Amino acid sequence: MAILKVIEVLANSDKSWEDATNNAVEQAAKSVNNIRSVYINEQSAQVKDGKVTEYRVNVKITFEVI
């Protein structure tokens, strides 16, 4: 039986929400092993002068505890 744990991570990108999600997973993988999945909990963006300048995600990352 596998034991799974979930952490919540905030990340951003100046390119896209997908890139922000990848950034969250890459940073989490530096200190967390056995990542199984990522769930995008919330998306938002910063706007300046009528243009999106930053994409932000709040994700839940699930990993197996060994």
PDB file of N, CA and C in Angstrom:
ATOM      1  N   MET A   1       0.832  -1.179   0.000  1.00  0.00           N
ATOM      2  CA  MET A   1       0.000   0.000   0.000  1.00  0.00           C
ATOM      3  C   MET A   1       0.879   1.245   0.000  1.00  0.00           C
ATOM      4  N   ALA A   2       0.602   2.159  -0.887  1.00  0.00           N
ATOM      5  CA  ALA A   2       1.368   3.400  -0.991  1.00  0.00           C
ATOM      6  C   ALA A   2       0.774   4.464  -0.074  1.00  0.00           C
ATOM      7  N   ILE A   3       1.656   5.250   0.509  1.00  0.00           N
ATOM      8  CA  ILE A   3       1.237   6.394   1.302  1.00  0.00           C
ATOM      9  C   ILE A   3       1.596   7.634   0.509  1.00  0.00           C
ATOM     10  N   LEU A   4       0.616   8.479   0.263  1.00  0.00           N
ATOM     11  CA  LEU A   4       0.816   9.680  -0.531  1.00  0.00           C
ATOM     12  C   LEU A   4       0.649  10.913   0.340  1.00  0.00           C
ATOM     13  N   LYS A   5       1.415  11.942   0.012  1.00  0.00           N
ATOM     14  CA  LYS A   5       1.334  13.208   0.726  1.00  0.00           C
ATOM     15  C   LYS A   5       1.119  14.315  -0.295  1.00  0.00           C
ATOM     16  N   VAL A   6       0.430  15.369   0.116  1.00  0.00           N
ATOM     17  CA  VAL A   6       0.144  16.493  -0.774  1.00  0.00           C
ATOM     18  C   VAL A   6       0.723  17.766  -0.175  1.00  0.00           C
ATOM     19  N   ILE A   7       1.424  18.538  -0.999  1.00  0.00           N
ATOM     20  CA  ILE A   7       1.912  19.852  -0.590  1.00  0.00           C
ATOM     21  C   ILE A   7       1.325  20.894  -1.540  1.00  0.00           C
ATOM     22  N   GLU A   8       1.216  22.102  -1.072  1.00  0.00           N
ATOM     23  CA  GLU A   8       0.702  23.189  -1.895  1.00  0.00           C
ATOM     24  C   GLU A   8       1.857  24.110  -2.246  1.00  0.00           C
ATOM     25  N   VAL A   9       1.960  24.459  -3.527  1.00  0.00           N
ATOM     26  CA  VAL A   9       3.073  25.262  -4.018  1.00  0.00           C
ATOM     27  C   VAL A   9       2.527  26.411  -4.870  1.00  0.00           C
ATOM     28  N   LEU A  10       3.105  27.582  -4.706  1.00  0.00           N
ATOM     29  CA  LEU A  10       2.779  28.733  -5.537  1.00  0.00           C
ATOM     30  C   LEU A  10       3.945  28.982  -6.475  1.00  0.00           C
ATOM     31  N   ALA A  11       3.651  29.273  -7.740  1.00  0.00           N
ATOM     32  CA  ALA A  11       4.717  29.541  -8.708  1.00  0.00           C
ATOM     33  C   ALA A  11       4.233  30.556  -9.729  1.00  0.00           C
ATOM     34  N   ASN A  12       5.185  31.134 -10.456  1.00  0.00           N
ATOM     35  CA  ASN A  12       4.827  32.123 -11.462  1.00  0.00           C
ATOM     36  C   ASN A  12       5.701  31.986 -12.702  1.00  0.00           C
ATOM     37  N   SER A  13       5.284  32.668 -13.760  1.00  0.00           N
ATOM     38  CA  SER A  13       6.017  32.671 -15.023  1.00  0.00           C
ATOM     39  C   SER A  13       5.603  33.901 -15.815  1.00  0.00           C
ATOM     40  N   ASP A  14       6.495  34.403 -16.628  1.00  0.00           N
ATOM     41  CA  ASP A  14       6.126  35.507 -17.519  1.00  0.00           C
ATOM     42  C   ASP A  14       5.672  34.995 -18.887  1.00  0.00           C
ATOM     43  N   LYS A  15       5.627  33.653 -19.054  1.00  0.00           N
ATOM     44  CA  LYS A  15       5.252  33.053 -20.343  1.00  0.00           C
ATOM     45  C   LYS A  15       3.820  32.534 -20.374  1.00  0.00           C
ATOM     46  N   SER A  16       3.458  31.651 -19.408  1.00  0.00           N
ATOM     47  CA  SER A  16       2.146  31.001 -19.448  1.00  0.00           C
ATOM     48  C   SER A  16       1.856  30.306 -18.122  1.00  0.00           C
ATOM     49  N   TRP A  17       0.581  29.889 -17.963  1.00  0.00           N
ATOM     50  CA  TRP A  17       0.225  29.106 -16.782  1.00  0.00           C
ATOM     51  C   TRP A  17       0.892  27.739 -16.835  1.00  0.00           C
ATOM     52  N   GLU A  18       1.019  27.186 -18.036  1.00  0.00           N
ATOM     53  CA  GLU A  18       1.697  25.892 -18.180  1.00  0.00           C
ATOM     54  C   GLU A  18       3.148  25.986 -17.718  1.00  0.00           C
ATOM     55  N   ASP A  19       3.823  27.049 -18.106  1.00  0.00           N
ATOM     56  CA  ASP A  19       5.213  27.242 -17.691  1.00  0.00           C
ATOM     57  C   ASP A  19       5.301  27.453 -16.173  1.00  0.00           C
ATOM     58  N   ALA A  20       4.345  28.161 -15.607  1.00  0.00           N
ATOM     59  CA  ALA A  20       4.324  28.355 -14.156  1.00  0.00           C
ATOM     60  C   ALA A  20       4.144  27.018 -13.442  1.00  0.00           C
ATOM     61  N   THR A  21       3.288  26.148 -13.995  1.00  0.00           N
ATOM     62  CA  THR A  21       3.092  24.816 -13.422  1.00  0.00           C
ATOM     63  C   THR A  21       4.371  24.000 -13.506  1.00  0.00           C
ATOM     64  N   ASN A  22       5.038  24.047 -14.649  1.00  0.00           N
ATOM     65  CA  ASN A  22       6.315  23.343 -14.795  1.00  0.00           C
ATOM     66  C   ASN A  22       7.342  23.862 -13.794  1.00  0.00           C
ATOM     67  N   ASN A  23       7.366  25.172 -13.580  1.00  0.00           N
ATOM     68  CA  ASN A  23       8.286  25.754 -12.596  1.00  0.00           C
ATOM     69  C   ASN A  23       7.999  25.219 -11.196  1.00  0.00           C
ATOM     70  N   ALA A  24       6.725  25.105 -10.847  1.00  0.00           N
ATOM     71  CA  ALA A  24       6.353  24.583  -9.525  1.00  0.00           C
ATOM     72  C   ALA A  24       6.849  23.159  -9.346  1.00  0.00           C
ATOM     73  N   VAL A  25       6.634  22.317 -10.353  1.00  0.00           N
ATOM     74  CA  VAL A  25       7.050  20.915 -10.260  1.00  0.00           C
ATOM     75  C   VAL A  25       8.572  20.810 -10.221  1.00  0.00           C
ATOM     76  N   GLU A  26       9.260  21.561 -11.064  1.00  0.00           N
ATOM     77  CA  GLU A  26      10.729  21.509 -11.090  1.00  0.00           C
ATOM     78  C   GLU A  26      11.331  21.944  -9.763  1.00  0.00           C
ATOM     79  N   GLN A  27      10.786  22.999  -9.167  1.00  0.00           N
ATOM     80  CA  GLN A  27      11.313  23.463  -7.879  1.00  0.00           C
ATOM     81  C   GLN A  27      11.008  22.469  -6.769  1.00  0.00           C
ATOM     82  N   ALA A  28       9.799  21.921  -6.767  1.00  0.00           N
ATOM     83  CA  ALA A  28       9.442  20.936  -5.740  1.00  0.00           C
ATOM     84  C   ALA A  28      10.311  19.689  -5.863  1.00  0.00           C
ATOM     85  N   ALA A  29      10.620  19.287  -7.094  1.00  0.00           N
ATOM     86  CA  ALA A  29      11.418  18.079  -7.325  1.00  0.00           C
ATOM     87  C   ALA A  29      12.839  18.203  -6.784  1.00  0.00           C
ATOM     88  N   LYS A  30      13.288  19.410  -6.503  1.00  0.00           N
ATOM     89  CA  LYS A  30      14.621  19.600  -5.929  1.00  0.00           C
ATOM     90  C   LYS A  30      14.697  19.081  -4.498  1.00  0.00           C
ATOM     91  N   SER A  31      13.561  19.073  -3.797  1.00  0.00           N
ATOM     92  CA  SER A  31      13.581  18.619  -2.408  1.00  0.00           C
ATOM     93  C   SER A  31      12.583  17.500  -2.112  1.00  0.00           C
ATOM     94  N   VAL A  32      11.735  17.150  -3.090  1.00  0.00           N
ATOM     95  CA  VAL A  32      10.721  16.115  -2.896  1.00  0.00           C
ATOM     96  C   VAL A  32      10.916  15.037  -3.959  1.00  0.00           C
ATOM     97  N   ASN A  33      10.983  13.790  -3.523  1.00  0.00           N
ATOM     98  CA  ASN A  33      11.123  12.670  -4.456  1.00  0.00           C
ATOM     99  C   ASN A  33       9.765  12.013  -4.711  1.00  0.00           C
ATOM    100  N   ASN A  34       9.720  11.225  -5.764  1.00  0.00           N
ATOM    101  CA  ASN A  34       8.551  10.391  -6.077  1.00  0.00           C
ATOM    102  C   ASN A  34       7.270  11.180  -6.331  1.00  0.00           C
ATOM    103  N   ILE A  35       7.387  12.317  -7.036  1.00  0.00           N
ATOM    104  CA  ILE A  35       6.206  13.097  -7.383  1.00  0.00           C
ATOM    105  C   ILE A  35       5.348  12.277  -8.344  1.00  0.00           C
ATOM    106  N   ARG A  36       4.065  12.187  -8.021  1.00  0.00           N
ATOM    107  CA  ARG A  36       3.131  11.382  -8.811  1.00  0.00           C
ATOM    108  C   ARG A  36       2.221  12.233  -9.686  1.00  0.00           C
ATOM    109  N   SER A  37       1.777  13.393  -9.162  1.00  0.00           N
ATOM    110  CA  SER A  37       0.827  14.198  -9.929  1.00  0.00           C
ATOM    111  C   SER A  37       0.837  15.641  -9.451  1.00  0.00           C
ATOM    112  N   VAL A  38       0.245  16.493 -10.288  1.00  0.00           N
ATOM    113  CA  VAL A  38       0.075  17.904  -9.930  1.00  0.00           C
ATOM    114  C   VAL A  38      -1.365  18.293 -10.269  1.00  0.00           C
ATOM    115  N   TYR A  39      -1.999  18.987  -9.352  1.00  0.00           N
ATOM    116  CA  TYR A  39      -3.372  19.455  -9.531  1.00  0.00           C
ATOM    117  C   TYR A  39      -3.351  20.979  -9.486  1.00  0.00           C
ATOM    118  N   ILE A  40      -3.834  21.604 -10.543  1.00  0.00           N
ATOM    119  CA  ILE A  40      -3.863  23.066 -10.581  1.00  0.00           C
ATOM    120  C   ILE A  40      -5.090  23.519  -9.806  1.00  0.00           C
ATOM    121  N   ASN A  41      -4.835  24.108  -8.662  1.00  0.00           N
ATOM    122  CA  ASN A  41      -5.889  24.525  -7.752  1.00  0.00           C
ATOM    123  C   ASN A  41      -6.456  25.887  -8.152  1.00  0.00           C
ATOM    124  N   GLU A  42      -5.591  26.790  -8.589  1.00  0.00           N
ATOM    125  CA  GLU A  42      -6.017  28.152  -8.887  1.00  0.00           C
ATOM    126  C   GLU A  42      -5.051  28.781  -9.881  1.00  0.00           C
ATOM    127  N   GLN A  43      -5.584  29.610 -10.760  1.00  0.00           N
ATOM    128  CA  GLN A  43      -4.767  30.367 -11.710  1.00  0.00           C
ATOM    129  C   GLN A  43      -5.114  31.842 -11.575  1.00  0.00           C
ATOM    130  N   SER A  44      -4.098  32.687 -11.706  1.00  0.00           N
ATOM    131  CA  SER A  44      -4.333  34.127 -11.712  1.00  0.00           C
ATOM    132  C   SER A  44      -3.243  34.778 -12.549  1.00  0.00           C
ATOM    133  N   ALA A  45      -3.419  36.046 -12.828  1.00  0.00           N
ATOM    134  CA  ALA A  45      -2.434  36.760 -13.637  1.00  0.00           C
ATOM    135  C   ALA A  45      -2.322  38.196 -13.152  1.00  0.00           C
ATOM    136  N   GLN A  46      -1.143  38.748 -13.315  1.00  0.00           N
ATOM    137  CA  GLN A  46      -0.903  40.149 -13.004  1.00  0.00           C
ATOM    138  C   GLN A  46      -0.990  40.926 -14.312  1.00  0.00           C
ATOM    139  N   VAL A  47      -1.661  42.061 -14.280  1.00  0.00           N
ATOM    140  CA  VAL A  47      -1.855  42.873 -15.478  1.00  0.00           C
ATOM    141  C   VAL A  47      -1.252  44.253 -15.263  1.00  0.00           C
ATOM    142  N   LYS A  48      -0.540  44.742 -16.293  1.00  0.00           N
ATOM    143  CA  LYS A  48       0.025  46.083 -16.241  1.00  0.00           C
ATOM    144  C   LYS A  48      -0.179  46.732 -17.602  1.00  0.00           C
ATOM    145  N   ASP A  49      -0.718  47.896 -17.607  1.00  0.00           N
ATOM    146  CA  ASP A  49      -0.978  48.643 -18.836  1.00  0.00           C
ATOM    147  C   ASP A  49      -1.806  47.833 -19.830  1.00  0.00           C
ATOM    148  N   GLY A  50      -2.785  47.104 -19.332  1.00  0.00           N
ATOM    149  CA  GLY A  50      -3.686  46.349 -20.188  1.00  0.00           C
ATOM    150  C   GLY A  50      -3.114  45.072 -20.760  1.00  0.00           C
ATOM    151  N   LYS A  51      -1.960  44.628 -20.260  1.00  0.00           N
ATOM    152  CA  LYS A  51      -1.343  43.395 -20.748  1.00  0.00           C
ATOM    153  C   LYS A  51      -0.969  42.490 -19.581  1.00  0.00           C
ATOM    154  N   VAL A  52      -1.079  41.185 -19.807  1.00  0.00           N
ATOM    155  CA  VAL A  52      -0.685  40.215 -18.789  1.00  0.00           C
ATOM    156  C   VAL A  52       0.837  40.218 -18.688  1.00  0.00           C
ATOM    157  N   THR A  53       1.335  40.438 -17.485  1.00  0.00           N
ATOM    158  CA  THR A  53       2.786  40.486 -17.277  1.00  0.00           C
ATOM    159  C   THR A  53       3.320  39.278 -16.510  1.00  0.00           C
ATOM    160  N   GLU A  54       2.423  38.594 -15.792  1.00  0.00           N
ATOM    161  CA  GLU A  54       2.868  37.444 -15.017  1.00  0.00           C
ATOM    162  C   GLU A  54       1.705  36.484 -14.813  1.00  0.00           C
ATOM    163  N   TYR A  55       1.971  35.197 -15.025  1.00  0.00           N
ATOM    164  CA  TYR A  55       0.992  34.139 -14.805  1.00  0.00           C
ATOM    165  C   TYR A  55       1.333  33.462 -13.486  1.00  0.00           C
ATOM    166  N   ARG A  56       0.307  33.212 -12.673  1.00  0.00           N
ATOM    167  CA  ARG A  56       0.528  32.608 -11.358  1.00  0.00           C
ATOM    168  C   ARG A  56      -0.353  31.377 -11.193  1.00  0.00           C
ATOM    169  N   VAL A  57       0.189  30.364 -10.545  1.00  0.00           N
ATOM    170  CA  VAL A  57      -0.580  29.155 -10.255  1.00  0.00           C
ATOM    171  C   VAL A  57      -0.400  28.772  -8.793  1.00  0.00           C
ATOM    172  N   ASN A  58      -1.438  28.193  -8.263  1.00  0.00           N
ATOM    173  CA  ASN A  58      -1.424  27.585  -6.944  1.00  0.00           C
ATOM    174  C   ASN A  58      -1.706  26.113  -7.223  1.00  0.00           C
ATOM    175  N   VAL A  59      -0.729  25.245  -6.987  1.00  0.00           N
ATOM    176  CA  VAL A  59      -0.873  23.833  -7.342  1.00  0.00           C
ATOM    177  C   VAL A  59      -0.726  22.957  -6.109  1.00  0.00           C
ATOM    178  N   LYS A  60      -1.327  21.763  -6.201  1.00  0.00           N
ATOM    179  CA  LYS A  60      -1.157  20.740  -5.186  1.00  0.00           C
ATOM    180  C   LYS A  60      -0.335  19.626  -5.829  1.00  0.00           C
ATOM    181  N   ILE A  61       0.777  19.299  -5.215  1.00  0.00           N
ATOM    182  CA  ILE A  61       1.683  18.280  -5.730  1.00  0.00           C
ATOM    183  C   ILE A  61       1.589  17.050  -4.826  1.00  0.00           C
ATOM    184  N   THR A  62       1.312  15.907  -5.450  1.00  0.00           N
ATOM    185  CA  THR A  62       1.180  14.657  -4.709  1.00  0.00           C
ATOM    186  C   THR A  62       2.427  13.809  -4.927  1.00  0.00           C
ATOM    187  N   PHE A  63       2.967  13.278  -3.824  1.00  0.00           N
ATOM    188  CA  PHE A  63       4.143  12.423  -3.933  1.00  0.00           C
ATOM    189  C   PHE A  63       4.012  11.252  -2.979  1.00  0.00           C
ATOM    190  N   GLU A  64       4.718  10.179  -3.322  1.00  0.00           N
ATOM    191  CA  GLU A  64       4.685   8.967  -2.512  1.00  0.00           C
ATOM    192  C   GLU A  64       5.737   9.047  -1.412  1.00  0.00           C
ATOM    193  N   VAL A  65       5.314   8.699  -0.212  1.00  0.00           N
ATOM    194  CA  VAL A  65       6.224   8.643   0.934  1.00  0.00           C
ATOM    195  C   VAL A  65       6.719   7.212   1.043  1.00  0.00           C
ATOM    196  N   ILE A  66       8.027   7.057   1.000  1.00  0.00           N
ATOM    197  CA  ILE A  66       8.617   5.725   1.057  1.00  0.00           C
ATOM    198  C   ILE A  66       9.260   5.507   2.415  1.00  0.00           C
TER     199      ILE A  66
END
